[in-house]
């Protein structure tokens, strides 16, 4: 039973680090896909309605920040 303790702790630590690393890799790939899509939308000749709505929201937020300062 004594020899099982250190091996279990090492396995738990490695498994935890492996799980966190895989999760971060997945989140990073999702982030990059969104970033690529945003760049593609901004470079397109015909802008999408979602892109135009987002630009309007950003402009409104900037106007509110300027008026409050």
Protein backbone atom coordinates (compact mmCIF):
# COMPACT_ATOMS: atom_id res chain seq x y z
CA UNK A 1 0.00 0.00 0.00
CA UNK A 2 2.90 2.37 0.70
CA UNK A 3 4.36 1.92 -2.79
CA UNK A 4 1.00 2.73 -4.38
CA UNK A 5 0.85 6.28 -2.89
CA UNK A 6 3.70 7.96 -4.78
CA UNK A 7 2.79 6.26 -8.07
CA UNK A 8 -0.82 7.39 -7.69
CA UNK A 9 0.24 10.96 -6.96
CA UNK A 10 2.57 11.06 -9.96
CA UNK A 11 -0.14 9.58 -12.18
CA UNK A 12 -2.67 12.08 -10.87
CA UNK A 13 -0.34 15.03 -11.50
CA UNK A 14 0.57 13.87 -15.00
CA UNK A 15 -3.07 13.14 -15.82
CA UNK A 16 -4.15 16.53 -14.51
CA UNK A 17 -1.46 18.36 -16.50
CA UNK A 18 -2.32 16.35 -19.62
CA UNK A 19 -6.00 17.20 -19.24
CA UNK A 20 -5.31 20.91 -18.71
CA UNK A 21 -2.94 20.96 -21.69
CA UNK A 22 -5.50 19.32 -23.97
CA UNK A 23 -8.22 21.69 -22.81
CA UNK A 24 -6.03 24.72 -23.49
CA UNK A 25 -5.14 23.39 -26.94
CA UNK A 26 -8.82 22.99 -27.79
CA UNK A 27 -9.69 26.48 -26.53
CA UNK A 28 -6.79 27.96 -28.48
CA UNK A 29 -7.88 26.27 -31.71
CA UNK A 30 -11.44 27.55 -31.21
CA UNK A 31 -10.08 31.05 -30.61
CA UNK A 32 -7.95 30.92 -33.76
CA UNK A 33 -10.87 29.75 -35.85
CA UNK A 34 -12.92 32.73 -34.67
CA UNK A 35 -10.03 35.08 -35.31
CA UNK A 36 -9.56 33.74 -38.85
CA UNK A 37 -13.27 34.12 -39.54
CA UNK A 38 -13.17 37.70 -38.30
CA UNK A 39 -10.23 38.53 -40.55
CA UNK A 40 -11.96 36.91 -43.52
CA UNK A 41 -15.13 38.91 -42.82
CA UNK A 42 -13.20 42.18 -42.54
CA UNK A 43 -11.39 41.59 -45.84
CA UNK A 44 -14.48 40.52 -47.81
CA UNK A 45 -15.78 42.93 -50.44
CA UNK A 46 -19.38 42.29 -49.38
CA UNK A 47 -19.59 42.69 -45.58
CA UNK A 48 -21.89 40.34 -43.67
CA UNK A 49 -24.77 41.71 -41.61
CA UNK A 50 -23.25 40.29 -38.44
CA UNK A 51 -20.00 42.13 -39.15
CA UNK A 52 -21.84 45.41 -39.77
CA UNK A 53 -23.94 45.03 -36.59
CA UNK A 54 -20.80 44.40 -34.57
CA UNK A 55 -19.16 47.52 -36.01
CA UNK A 56 -22.22 49.55 -35.03
CA UNK A 57 -22.08 48.18 -31.47
CA UNK A 58 -18.39 49.02 -31.20
CA UNK A 59 -19.04 52.55 -32.47
CA UNK A 60 -21.88 53.06 -29.99
CA UNK A 61 -19.72 51.80 -27.12
CA UNK A 62 -16.91 54.19 -28.09
CA UNK A 63 -19.35 57.10 -28.29
CA UNK A 64 -20.67 56.30 -24.80
CA UNK A 65 -17.13 56.10 -23.41
CA UNK A 66 -16.21 59.46 -24.97
CA UNK A 67 -19.33 61.15 -23.64
CA UNK A 68 -18.80 59.80 -20.13
CA UNK A 69 -15.15 60.94 -19.94
